[in-house]
Amino acid sequence: MEQQTCACHEKKVRSEQEVKSLIHRLNRIEGQIRGIRGMVERDCYCPDILVQSAAVTAAMNAFSKELLASHIRTCVADDIRAGNDAVIDELLATLQKLMK
């Protein structure tokens, strides 16, 4: 797999299992999105599309919860143990963005 530069603030080394789990979730979501696009192209009934859209939203929420839990268990906990209390403000800002 080609290594790309991350357009983010920091990098996080994830276990192979964590990467597999996150990628698996994203692949399923990607498939759901393609399915919804197909439904629109086939002029499917609006409520049927909306049900599938709600399923994608639930899947994205599950992805975010898994990633957030991992972040708190690793990055946040490690930074607090190292005396970097600024990570708490970063976490709160992240939670504010997630709850919009």
PDB file of N, CA and C in Angstrom:
ATOM      1  N   MET A   1       0.845  -1.177   0.000  1.00  0.00           N
ATOM      2  CA  MET A   1       0.000   0.000   0.000  1.00  0.00           C
ATOM      3  C   MET A   1       0.891   1.243   0.000  1.00  0.00           C
ATOM      4  N   GLU A   2       0.531   2.215  -0.808  1.00  0.00           N
ATOM      5  CA  GLU A   2       1.312   3.443  -0.914  1.00  0.00           C
ATOM      6  C   GLU A   2       1.154   4.266   0.353  1.00  0.00           C
ATOM      7  N   GLN A   3       2.247   4.744   0.912  1.00  0.00           N
ATOM      8  CA  GLN A   3       2.226   5.565   2.110  1.00  0.00           C
ATOM      9  C   GLN A   3       1.970   7.012   1.712  1.00  0.00           C
ATOM     10  N   GLN A   4       0.936   7.613   2.251  1.00  0.00           N
ATOM     11  CA  GLN A   4       0.613   8.989   1.952  1.00  0.00           C
ATOM     12  C   GLN A   4       0.867   9.837   3.185  1.00  0.00           C
ATOM     13  N   THR A   5       1.201  11.099   2.957  1.00  0.00           N
ATOM     14  CA  THR A   5       1.389  12.024   4.053  1.00  0.00           C
ATOM     15  C   THR A   5       0.030  12.400   4.611  1.00  0.00           C
ATOM     16  N   CYS A   6      -0.062  12.407   5.921  1.00  0.00           N
ATOM     17  CA  CYS A   6      -1.311  12.743   6.592  1.00  0.00           C
ATOM     18  C   CYS A   6      -1.410  14.257   6.728  1.00  0.00           C
ATOM     19  N   ALA A   7      -2.522  14.817   6.301  1.00  0.00           N
ATOM     20  CA  ALA A   7      -2.735  16.261   6.421  1.00  0.00           C
ATOM     21  C   ALA A   7      -3.353  16.563   7.777  1.00  0.00           C
ATOM     22  N   CYS A   8      -2.690  16.104   8.826  1.00  0.00           N
ATOM     23  CA  CYS A   8      -3.220  16.300  10.165  1.00  0.00           C
ATOM     24  C   CYS A   8      -2.120  16.831  11.071  1.00  0.00           C
ATOM     25  N   HIS A   9      -2.462  17.048  12.320  1.00  0.00           N
ATOM     26  CA  HIS A   9      -1.528  17.662  13.267  1.00  0.00           C
ATOM     27  C   HIS A   9      -0.427  16.703  13.698  1.00  0.00           C
ATOM     28  N   GLU A  10      -0.810  15.511  14.021  1.00  0.00           N
ATOM     29  CA  GLU A  10       0.132  14.523  14.538  1.00  0.00           C
ATOM     30  C   GLU A  10      -0.137  13.186  13.876  1.00  0.00           C
ATOM     31  N   LYS A  11       0.715  12.225  14.153  1.00  0.00           N
ATOM     32  CA  LYS A  11       0.512  10.868  13.635  1.00  0.00           C
ATOM     33  C   LYS A  11       0.243   9.936  14.793  1.00  0.00           C
ATOM     34  N   LYS A  12      -0.407   8.835  14.493  1.00  0.00           N
ATOM     35  CA  LYS A  12      -0.747   7.827  15.506  1.00  0.00           C
ATOM     36  C   LYS A  12      -0.390   6.459  14.950  1.00  0.00           C
ATOM     37  N   VAL A  13       0.391   5.723  15.664  1.00  0.00           N
ATOM     38  CA  VAL A  13       0.714   4.355  15.273  1.00  0.00           C
ATOM     39  C   VAL A  13      -0.393   3.460  15.829  1.00  0.00           C
ATOM     40  N   ARG A  14      -1.065   2.757  14.927  1.00  0.00           N
ATOM     41  CA  ARG A  14      -2.157   1.880  15.320  1.00  0.00           C
ATOM     42  C   ARG A  14      -1.725   0.427  15.150  1.00  0.00           C
ATOM     43  N   SER A  15      -2.297  -0.427  15.971  1.00  0.00           N
ATOM     44  CA  SER A  15      -2.014  -1.850  15.833  1.00  0.00           C
ATOM     45  C   SER A  15      -2.611  -2.338  14.517  1.00  0.00           C
ATOM     46  N   GLU A  16      -2.101  -3.451  14.040  1.00  0.00           N
ATOM     47  CA  GLU A  16      -2.620  -4.042  12.809  1.00  0.00           C
ATOM     48  C   GLU A  16      -4.100  -4.382  12.974  1.00  0.00           C
ATOM     49  N   GLN A  17      -4.479  -4.870  14.134  1.00  0.00           N
ATOM     50  CA  GLN A  17      -5.878  -5.218  14.410  1.00  0.00           C
ATOM     51  C   GLN A  17      -6.774  -3.982  14.367  1.00  0.00           C
ATOM     52  N   GLU A  18      -6.305  -2.873  14.953  1.00  0.00           N
ATOM     53  CA  GLU A  18      -7.111  -1.644  14.947  1.00  0.00           C
ATOM     54  C   GLU A  18      -7.294  -1.128  13.526  1.00  0.00           C
ATOM     55  N   VAL A  19      -6.222  -1.135  12.746  1.00  0.00           N
ATOM     56  CA  VAL A  19      -6.311  -0.684  11.360  1.00  0.00           C
ATOM     57  C   VAL A  19      -7.292  -1.557  10.588  1.00  0.00           C
ATOM     58  N   LYS A  20      -7.175  -2.881  10.748  1.00  0.00           N
ATOM     59  CA  LYS A  20      -8.084  -3.802  10.054  1.00  0.00           C
ATOM     60  C   LYS A  20      -9.537  -3.521  10.417  1.00  0.00           C
ATOM     61  N   SER A  21      -9.807  -3.327  11.698  1.00  0.00           N
ATOM     62  CA  SER A  21     -11.168  -3.085  12.159  1.00  0.00           C
ATOM     63  C   SER A  21     -11.727  -1.784  11.578  1.00  0.00           C
ATOM     64  N   LEU A  22     -10.924  -0.716  11.621  1.00  0.00           N
ATOM     65  CA  LEU A  22     -11.385   0.572  11.096  1.00  0.00           C
ATOM     66  C   LEU A  22     -11.594   0.515   9.583  1.00  0.00           C
ATOM     67  N   ILE A  23     -10.659  -0.102   8.874  1.00  0.00           N
ATOM     68  CA  ILE A  23     -10.771  -0.214   7.420  1.00  0.00           C
ATOM     69  C   ILE A  23     -11.983  -1.064   7.047  1.00  0.00           C
ATOM     70  N   HIS A  24     -12.233  -2.127   7.806  1.00  0.00           N
ATOM     71  CA  HIS A  24     -13.392  -2.986   7.551  1.00  0.00           C
ATOM     72  C   HIS A  24     -14.681  -2.174   7.671  1.00  0.00           C
ATOM     73  N   ARG A  25     -14.776  -1.379   8.720  1.00  0.00           N
ATOM     74  CA  ARG A  25     -15.963  -0.536   8.899  1.00  0.00           C
ATOM     75  C   ARG A  25     -16.107   0.443   7.735  1.00  0.00           C
ATOM     76  N   LEU A  26     -14.992   1.082   7.359  1.00  0.00           N
ATOM     77  CA  LEU A  26     -15.041   2.060   6.262  1.00  0.00           C
ATOM     78  C   LEU A  26     -15.408   1.411   4.937  1.00  0.00           C
ATOM     79  N   ASN A  27     -14.910   0.215   4.697  1.00  0.00           N
ATOM     80  CA  ASN A  27     -15.266  -0.490   3.459  1.00  0.00           C
ATOM     81  C   ASN A  27     -16.766  -0.785   3.402  1.00  0.00           C
ATOM     82  N   ARG A  28     -17.342  -1.196   4.543  1.00  0.00           N
ATOM     83  CA  ARG A  28     -18.776  -1.452   4.581  1.00  0.00           C
ATOM     84  C   ARG A  28     -19.562  -0.165   4.328  1.00  0.00           C
ATOM     85  N   ILE A  29     -19.111   0.929   4.933  1.00  0.00           N
ATOM     86  CA  ILE A  29     -19.784   2.219   4.745  1.00  0.00           C
ATOM     87  C   ILE A  29     -19.686   2.651   3.290  1.00  0.00           C
ATOM     88  N   GLU A  30     -18.522   2.475   2.707  1.00  0.00           N
ATOM     89  CA  GLU A  30     -18.333   2.818   1.300  1.00  0.00           C
ATOM     90  C   GLU A  30     -19.307   2.028   0.417  1.00  0.00           C
ATOM     91  N   GLY A  31     -19.474   0.762   0.723  1.00  0.00           N
ATOM     92  CA  GLY A  31     -20.430  -0.067  -0.018  1.00  0.00           C
ATOM     93  C   GLY A  31     -21.858   0.426   0.164  1.00  0.00           C
ATOM     94  N   GLN A  32     -22.194   0.830   1.376  1.00  0.00           N
ATOM     95  CA  GLN A  32     -23.533   1.359   1.633  1.00  0.00           C
ATOM     96  C   GLN A  32     -23.769   2.641   0.829  1.00  0.00           C
ATOM     97  N   ILE A  33     -22.771   3.498   0.773  1.00  0.00           N
ATOM     98  CA  ILE A  33     -22.887   4.752   0.014  1.00  0.00           C
ATOM     99  C   ILE A  33     -23.086   4.452  -1.471  1.00  0.00           C
ATOM    100  N   ARG A  34     -22.319   3.507  -1.997  1.00  0.00           N
ATOM    101  CA  ARG A  34     -22.498   3.121  -3.406  1.00  0.00           C
ATOM    102  C   ARG A  34     -23.907   2.579  -3.641  1.00  0.00           C
ATOM    103  N   GLY A  35     -24.409   1.817  -2.665  1.00  0.00           N
ATOM    104  CA  GLY A  35     -25.765   1.295  -2.772  1.00  0.00           C
ATOM    105  C   GLY A  35     -26.803   2.406  -2.812  1.00  0.00           C
ATOM    106  N   ILE A  36     -26.615   3.423  -1.991  1.00  0.00           N
ATOM    107  CA  ILE A  36     -27.541   4.559  -1.986  1.00  0.00           C
ATOM    108  C   ILE A  36     -27.478   5.304  -3.318  1.00  0.00           C
ATOM    109  N   ARG A  37     -26.270   5.504  -3.827  1.00  0.00           N
ATOM    110  CA  ARG A  37     -26.128   6.160  -5.133  1.00  0.00           C
ATOM    111  C   ARG A  37     -26.898   5.375  -6.200  1.00  0.00           C
ATOM    112  N   GLY A  38     -26.781   4.051  -6.155  1.00  0.00           N
ATOM    113  CA  GLY A  38     -27.499   3.207  -7.099  1.00  0.00           C
ATOM    114  C   GLY A  38     -29.002   3.348  -6.949  1.00  0.00           C
ATOM    115  N   MET A  39     -29.451   3.462  -5.702  1.00  0.00           N
ATOM    116  CA  MET A  39     -30.882   3.642  -5.471  1.00  0.00           C
ATOM    117  C   MET A  39     -31.377   4.956  -6.080  1.00  0.00           C
ATOM    118  N   VAL A  40     -30.589   6.010  -5.931  1.00  0.00           N
ATOM    119  CA  VAL A  40     -30.954   7.300  -6.521  1.00  0.00           C
ATOM    120  C   VAL A  40     -30.983   7.184  -8.043  1.00  0.00           C
ATOM    121  N   GLU A  41     -29.972   6.527  -8.597  1.00  0.00           N
ATOM    122  CA  GLU A  41     -29.900   6.360 -10.055  1.00  0.00           C
ATOM    123  C   GLU A  41     -31.081   5.540 -10.584  1.00  0.00           C
ATOM    124  N   ARG A  42     -31.589   4.595  -9.766  1.00  0.00           N
ATOM    125  CA  ARG A  42     -32.713   3.748 -10.181  1.00  0.00           C
ATOM    126  C   ARG A  42     -34.064   4.349  -9.799  1.00  0.00           C
ATOM    127  N   ASP A  43     -34.043   5.595  -9.318  1.00  0.00           N
ATOM    128  CA  ASP A  43     -35.277   6.304  -8.939  1.00  0.00           C
ATOM    129  C   ASP A  43     -36.072   5.563  -7.859  1.00  0.00           C
ATOM    130  N   CYS A  44     -35.360   5.012  -6.881  1.00  0.00           N
ATOM    131  CA  CYS A  44     -36.040   4.314  -5.787  1.00  0.00           C
ATOM    132  C   CYS A  44     -36.864   5.301  -4.949  1.00  0.00           C
ATOM    133  N   TYR A  45     -37.807   4.752  -4.242  1.00  0.00           N
ATOM    134  CA  TYR A  45     -38.724   5.519  -3.408  1.00  0.00           C
ATOM    135  C   TYR A  45     -37.950   6.198  -2.269  1.00  0.00           C
ATOM    136  N   CYS A  46     -38.257   7.479  -2.028  1.00  0.00           N
ATOM    137  CA  CYS A  46     -37.518   8.292  -1.051  1.00  0.00           C
ATOM    138  C   CYS A  46     -37.375   7.637   0.327  1.00  0.00           C
ATOM    139  N   PRO A  47     -38.450   7.120   0.932  1.00  0.00           N
ATOM    140  CA  PRO A  47     -38.291   6.499   2.255  1.00  0.00           C
ATOM    141  C   PRO A  47     -37.306   5.330   2.258  1.00  0.00           C
ATOM    142  N   ASP A  48     -37.252   4.580   1.157  1.00  0.00           N
ATOM    143  CA  ASP A  48     -36.290   3.475   1.086  1.00  0.00           C
ATOM    144  C   ASP A  48     -34.857   4.002   1.117  1.00  0.00           C
ATOM    145  N   ILE A  49     -34.621   5.085   0.412  1.00  0.00           N
ATOM    146  CA  ILE A  49     -33.288   5.702   0.396  1.00  0.00           C
ATOM    147  C   ILE A  49     -32.969   6.281   1.770  1.00  0.00           C
ATOM    148  N   LEU A  50     -33.953   6.918   2.389  1.00  0.00           N
ATOM    149  CA  LEU A  50     -33.734   7.513   3.708  1.00  0.00           C
ATOM    150  C   LEU A  50     -33.385   6.462   4.761  1.00  0.00           C
ATOM    151  N   VAL A  51     -34.008   5.293   4.675  1.00  0.00           N
ATOM    152  CA  VAL A  51     -33.681   4.210   5.610  1.00  0.00           C
ATOM    153  C   VAL A  51     -32.214   3.808   5.439  1.00  0.00           C
ATOM    154  N   GLN A  52     -31.766   3.700   4.207  1.00  0.00           N
ATOM    155  CA  GLN A  52     -30.371   3.341   3.948  1.00  0.00           C
ATOM    156  C   GLN A  52     -29.434   4.459   4.395  1.00  0.00           C
ATOM    157  N   SER A  53     -29.861   5.701   4.218  1.00  0.00           N
ATOM    158  CA  SER A  53     -29.064   6.842   4.677  1.00  0.00           C
ATOM    159  C   SER A  53     -28.902   6.807   6.197  1.00  0.00           C
ATOM    160  N   ALA A  54     -29.977   6.471   6.899  1.00  0.00           N
ATOM    161  CA  ALA A  54     -29.912   6.352   8.358  1.00  0.00           C
ATOM    162  C   ALA A  54     -28.948   5.239   8.770  1.00  0.00           C
ATOM    163  N   ALA A  55     -28.917   4.162   7.998  1.00  0.00           N
ATOM    164  CA  ALA A  55     -27.985   3.057   8.294  1.00  0.00           C
ATOM    165  C   ALA A  55     -26.538   3.520   8.130  1.00  0.00           C
ATOM    166  N   VAL A  56     -26.277   4.344   7.125  1.00  0.00           N
ATOM    167  CA  VAL A  56     -24.923   4.884   6.928  1.00  0.00           C
ATOM    168  C   VAL A  56     -24.551   5.794   8.088  1.00  0.00           C
ATOM    169  N   THR A  57     -25.489   6.623   8.518  1.00  0.00           N
ATOM    170  CA  THR A  57     -25.229   7.512   9.656  1.00  0.00           C
ATOM    171  C   THR A  57     -24.894   6.692  10.904  1.00  0.00           C
ATOM    172  N   ALA A  58     -25.648   5.634  11.147  1.00  0.00           N
ATOM    173  CA  ALA A  58     -25.383   4.769  12.303  1.00  0.00           C
ATOM    174  C   ALA A  58     -24.014   4.108  12.175  1.00  0.00           C
ATOM    175  N   ALA A  59     -23.668   3.679  10.969  1.00  0.00           N
ATOM    176  CA  ALA A  59     -22.361   3.047  10.749  1.00  0.00           C
ATOM    177  C   ALA A  59     -21.230   4.049  10.969  1.00  0.00           C
ATOM    178  N   MET A  60     -21.408   5.275  10.519  1.00  0.00           N
ATOM    179  CA  MET A  60     -20.378   6.305  10.740  1.00  0.00           C
ATOM    180  C   MET A  60     -20.253   6.627  12.226  1.00  0.00           C
ATOM    181  N   ASN A  61     -21.387   6.660  12.932  1.00  0.00           N
ATOM    182  CA  ASN A  61     -21.334   6.895  14.377  1.00  0.00           C
ATOM    183  C   ASN A  61     -20.585   5.774  15.089  1.00  0.00           C
ATOM    184  N   ALA A  62     -20.806   4.534  14.671  1.00  0.00           N
ATOM    185  CA  ALA A  62     -20.091   3.403  15.267  1.00  0.00           C
ATOM    186  C   ALA A  62     -18.596   3.500  14.986  1.00  0.00           C
ATOM    187  N   PHE A  63     -18.231   3.898  13.758  1.00  0.00           N
ATOM    188  CA  PHE A  63     -16.824   4.101  13.411  1.00  0.00           C
ATOM    189  C   PHE A  63     -16.218   5.169  14.323  1.00  0.00           C
ATOM    190  N   SER A  64     -16.912   6.296  14.462  1.00  0.00           N
ATOM    191  CA  SER A  64     -16.395   7.395  15.285  1.00  0.00           C
ATOM    192  C   SER A  64     -16.251   6.987  16.744  1.00  0.00           C
ATOM    193  N   LYS A  65     -17.224   6.226  17.260  1.00  0.00           N
ATOM    194  CA  LYS A  65     -17.137   5.767  18.654  1.00  0.00           C
ATOM    195  C   LYS A  65     -15.931   4.862  18.861  1.00  0.00           C
ATOM    196  N   GLU A  66     -15.704   3.959  17.920  1.00  0.00           N
ATOM    197  CA  GLU A  66     -14.554   3.055  18.037  1.00  0.00           C
ATOM    198  C   GLU A  66     -13.244   3.842  18.014  1.00  0.00           C
ATOM    199  N   LEU A  67     -13.132   4.788  17.099  1.00  0.00           N
ATOM    200  CA  LEU A  67     -11.920   5.586  16.987  1.00  0.00           C
ATOM    201  C   LEU A  67     -11.731   6.475  18.216  1.00  0.00           C
ATOM    202  N   LEU A  68     -12.808   7.076  18.701  1.00  0.00           N
ATOM    203  CA  LEU A  68     -12.726   7.930  19.884  1.00  0.00           C
ATOM    204  C   LEU A  68     -12.313   7.125  21.112  1.00  0.00           C
ATOM    205  N   ALA A  69     -12.891   5.947  21.280  1.00  0.00           N
ATOM    206  CA  ALA A  69     -12.527   5.108  22.430  1.00  0.00           C
ATOM    207  C   ALA A  69     -11.047   4.753  22.396  1.00  0.00           C
ATOM    208  N   SER A  70     -10.552   4.410  21.228  1.00  0.00           N
ATOM    209  CA  SER A  70      -9.140   4.093  21.085  1.00  0.00           C
ATOM    210  C   SER A  70      -8.278   5.313  21.405  1.00  0.00           C
ATOM    211  N   HIS A  71      -8.697   6.466  20.919  1.00  0.00           N
ATOM    212  CA  HIS A  71      -7.949   7.704  21.161  1.00  0.00           C
ATOM    213  C   HIS A  71      -7.862   8.008  22.658  1.00  0.00           C
ATOM    214  N   ILE A  72      -8.987   7.851  23.351  1.00  0.00           N
ATOM    215  CA  ILE A  72      -8.992   8.132  24.793  1.00  0.00           C
ATOM    216  C   ILE A  72      -8.117   7.132  25.540  1.00  0.00           C
ATOM    217  N   ARG A  73      -8.236   5.832  25.185  1.00  0.00           N
ATOM    218  CA  ARG A  73      -7.458   4.791  25.877  1.00  0.00           C
ATOM    219  C   ARG A  73      -5.961   4.932  25.653  1.00  0.00           C
ATOM    220  N   THR A  74      -5.575   5.440  24.493  1.00  0.00           N
ATOM    221  CA  THR A  74      -4.146   5.491  24.168  1.00  0.00           C
ATOM    222  C   THR A  74      -3.604   6.913  24.234  1.00  0.00           C
ATOM    223  N   CYS A  75      -3.892   7.711  23.244  1.00  0.00           N
ATOM    224  CA  CYS A  75      -3.310   9.054  23.131  1.00  0.00           C
ATOM    225  C   CYS A  75      -3.588   9.929  24.350  1.00  0.00           C
ATOM    226  N   VAL A  76      -4.860  10.020  24.721  1.00  0.00           N
ATOM    227  CA  VAL A  76      -5.237  10.901  25.831  1.00  0.00           C
ATOM    228  C   VAL A  76      -4.635  10.390  27.138  1.00  0.00           C
ATOM    229  N   ALA A  77      -4.800   9.109  27.424  1.00  0.00           N
ATOM    230  CA  ALA A  77      -4.268   8.540  28.668  1.00  0.00           C
ATOM    231  C   ALA A  77      -2.751   8.693  28.737  1.00  0.00           C
ATOM    232  N   ASP A  78      -2.066   8.421  27.626  1.00  0.00           N
ATOM    233  CA  ASP A  78      -0.599   8.551  27.618  1.00  0.00           C
ATOM    234  C   ASP A  78      -0.169   9.986  27.865  1.00  0.00           C
ATOM    235  N   ASP A  79      -0.852  10.946  27.225  1.00  0.00           N
ATOM    236  CA  ASP A  79      -0.494  12.358  27.413  1.00  0.00           C
ATOM    237  C   ASP A  79      -0.753  12.813  28.847  1.00  0.00           C
ATOM    238  N   ILE A  80      -1.853  12.384  29.440  1.00  0.00           N
ATOM    239  CA  ILE A  80      -2.135  12.764  30.826  1.00  0.00           C
ATOM    240  C   ILE A  80      -1.075  12.187  31.754  1.00  0.00           C
ATOM    241  N   ARG A  81      -0.725  10.906  31.530  1.00  0.00           N
ATOM    242  CA  ARG A  81       0.332  10.293  32.352  1.00  0.00           C
ATOM    243  C   ARG A  81       1.654  11.027  32.216  1.00  0.00           C
ATOM    244  N   ALA A  82       1.901  11.600  31.032  1.00  0.00           N
ATOM    245  CA  ALA A  82       3.152  12.327  30.779  1.00  0.00           C
ATOM    246  C   ALA A  82       3.079  13.771  31.258  1.00  0.00           C
ATOM    247  N   GLY A  83       1.937  14.155  31.844  1.00  0.00           N
ATOM    248  CA  GLY A  83       1.801  15.507  32.377  1.00  0.00           C
ATOM    249  C   GLY A  83       1.299  16.535  31.372  1.00  0.00           C
ATOM    250  N   ASN A  84       0.853  16.092  30.207  1.00  0.00           N
ATOM    251  CA  ASN A  84       0.354  17.009  29.179  1.00  0.00           C
ATOM    252  C   ASN A  84      -1.160  17.154  29.326  1.00  0.00           C
ATOM    253  N   ASP A  85      -1.561  18.036  30.227  1.00  0.00           N
ATOM    254  CA  ASP A  85      -2.990  18.234  30.473  1.00  0.00           C
ATOM    255  C   ASP A  85      -3.687  18.980  29.332  1.00  0.00           C
ATOM    256  N   ALA A  86      -2.941  19.555  28.407  1.00  0.00           N
ATOM    257  CA  ALA A  86      -3.532  20.251  27.260  1.00  0.00           C
ATOM    258  C   ALA A  86      -4.343  19.282  26.395  1.00  0.00           C
ATOM    259  N   VAL A  87      -4.026  18.008  26.496  1.00  0.00           N
ATOM    260  CA  VAL A  87      -4.758  17.006  25.721  1.00  0.00           C
ATOM    261  C   VAL A  87      -6.233  16.967  26.129  1.00  0.00           C
ATOM    262  N   ILE A  88      -6.538  17.362  27.352  1.00  0.00           N
ATOM    263  CA  ILE A  88      -7.929  17.392  27.807  1.00  0.00           C
ATOM    264  C   ILE A  88      -8.708  18.450  27.036  1.00  0.00           C
ATOM    265  N   ASP A  89      -8.109  19.627  26.869  1.00  0.00           N
ATOM    266  CA  ASP A  89      -8.768  20.681  26.084  1.00  0.00           C
ATOM    267  C   ASP A  89      -8.942  20.247  24.633  1.00  0.00           C
ATOM    268  N   GLU A  90      -7.943  19.555  24.097  1.00  0.00           N
ATOM    269  CA  GLU A  90      -8.041  19.049  22.726  1.00  0.00           C
ATOM    270  C   GLU A  90      -9.189  18.044  22.613  1.00  0.00           C
ATOM    271  N   LEU A  91      -9.304  17.160  23.598  1.00  0.00           N
ATOM    272  CA  LEU A  91     -10.385  16.179  23.602  1.00  0.00           C
ATOM    273  C   LEU A  91     -11.744  16.866  23.693  1.00  0.00           C
ATOM    274  N   LEU A  92     -11.856  17.852  24.558  1.00  0.00           N
ATOM    275  CA  LEU A  92     -13.125  18.575  24.686  1.00  0.00           C
ATOM    276  C   LEU A  92     -13.485  19.285  23.386  1.00  0.00           C
ATOM    277  N   ALA A  93     -12.509  19.880  22.710  1.00  0.00           N
ATOM    278  CA  ALA A  93     -12.762  20.540  21.426  1.00  0.00           C
ATOM    279  C   ALA A  93     -13.211  19.520  20.392  1.00  0.00           C
ATOM    280  N   THR A  94     -12.593  18.354  20.401  1.00  0.00           N
ATOM    281  CA  THR A  94     -12.978  17.290  19.480  1.00  0.00           C
ATOM    282  C   THR A  94     -14.405  16.836  19.739  1.00  0.00           C
ATOM    283  N   LEU A  95     -14.748  16.644  21.004  1.00  0.00           N
ATOM    284  CA  LEU A  95     -16.101  16.233  21.361  1.00  0.00           C
ATOM    285  C   LEU A  95     -17.136  17.287  20.941  1.00  0.00           C
ATOM    286  N   GLN A  96     -16.788  18.558  21.092  1.00  0.00           N
ATOM    287  CA  GLN A  96     -17.687  19.637  20.662  1.00  0.00           C
ATOM    288  C   GLN A  96     -17.967  19.527  19.164  1.00  0.00           C
ATOM    289  N   LYS A  97     -16.926  19.247  18.377  1.00  0.00           N
ATOM    290  CA  LYS A  97     -17.094  19.104  16.924  1.00  0.00           C
ATOM    291  C   LYS A  97     -17.938  17.881  16.579  1.00  0.00           C
ATOM    292  N   LEU A  98     -17.761  16.804  17.331  1.00  0.00           N
ATOM    293  CA  LEU A  98     -18.523  15.578  17.066  1.00  0.00           C
ATOM    294  C   LEU A  98     -20.000  15.734  17.405  1.00  0.00           C
ATOM    295  N   MET A  99     -20.306  16.637  18.316  1.00  0.00           N
ATOM    296  CA  MET A  99     -21.688  16.764  18.790  1.00  0.00           C
ATOM    297  C   MET A  99     -22.474  17.844  18.071  1.00  0.00           C
ATOM    298  N   LYS A 100     -21.950  18.376  16.988  1.00  0.00           N
ATOM    299  CA  LYS A 100     -22.685  19.405  16.241  1.00  0.00           C
ATOM    300  C   LYS A 100     -23.882  18.829  15.572  1.00  0.00           C
TER     301      LYS A 100
END
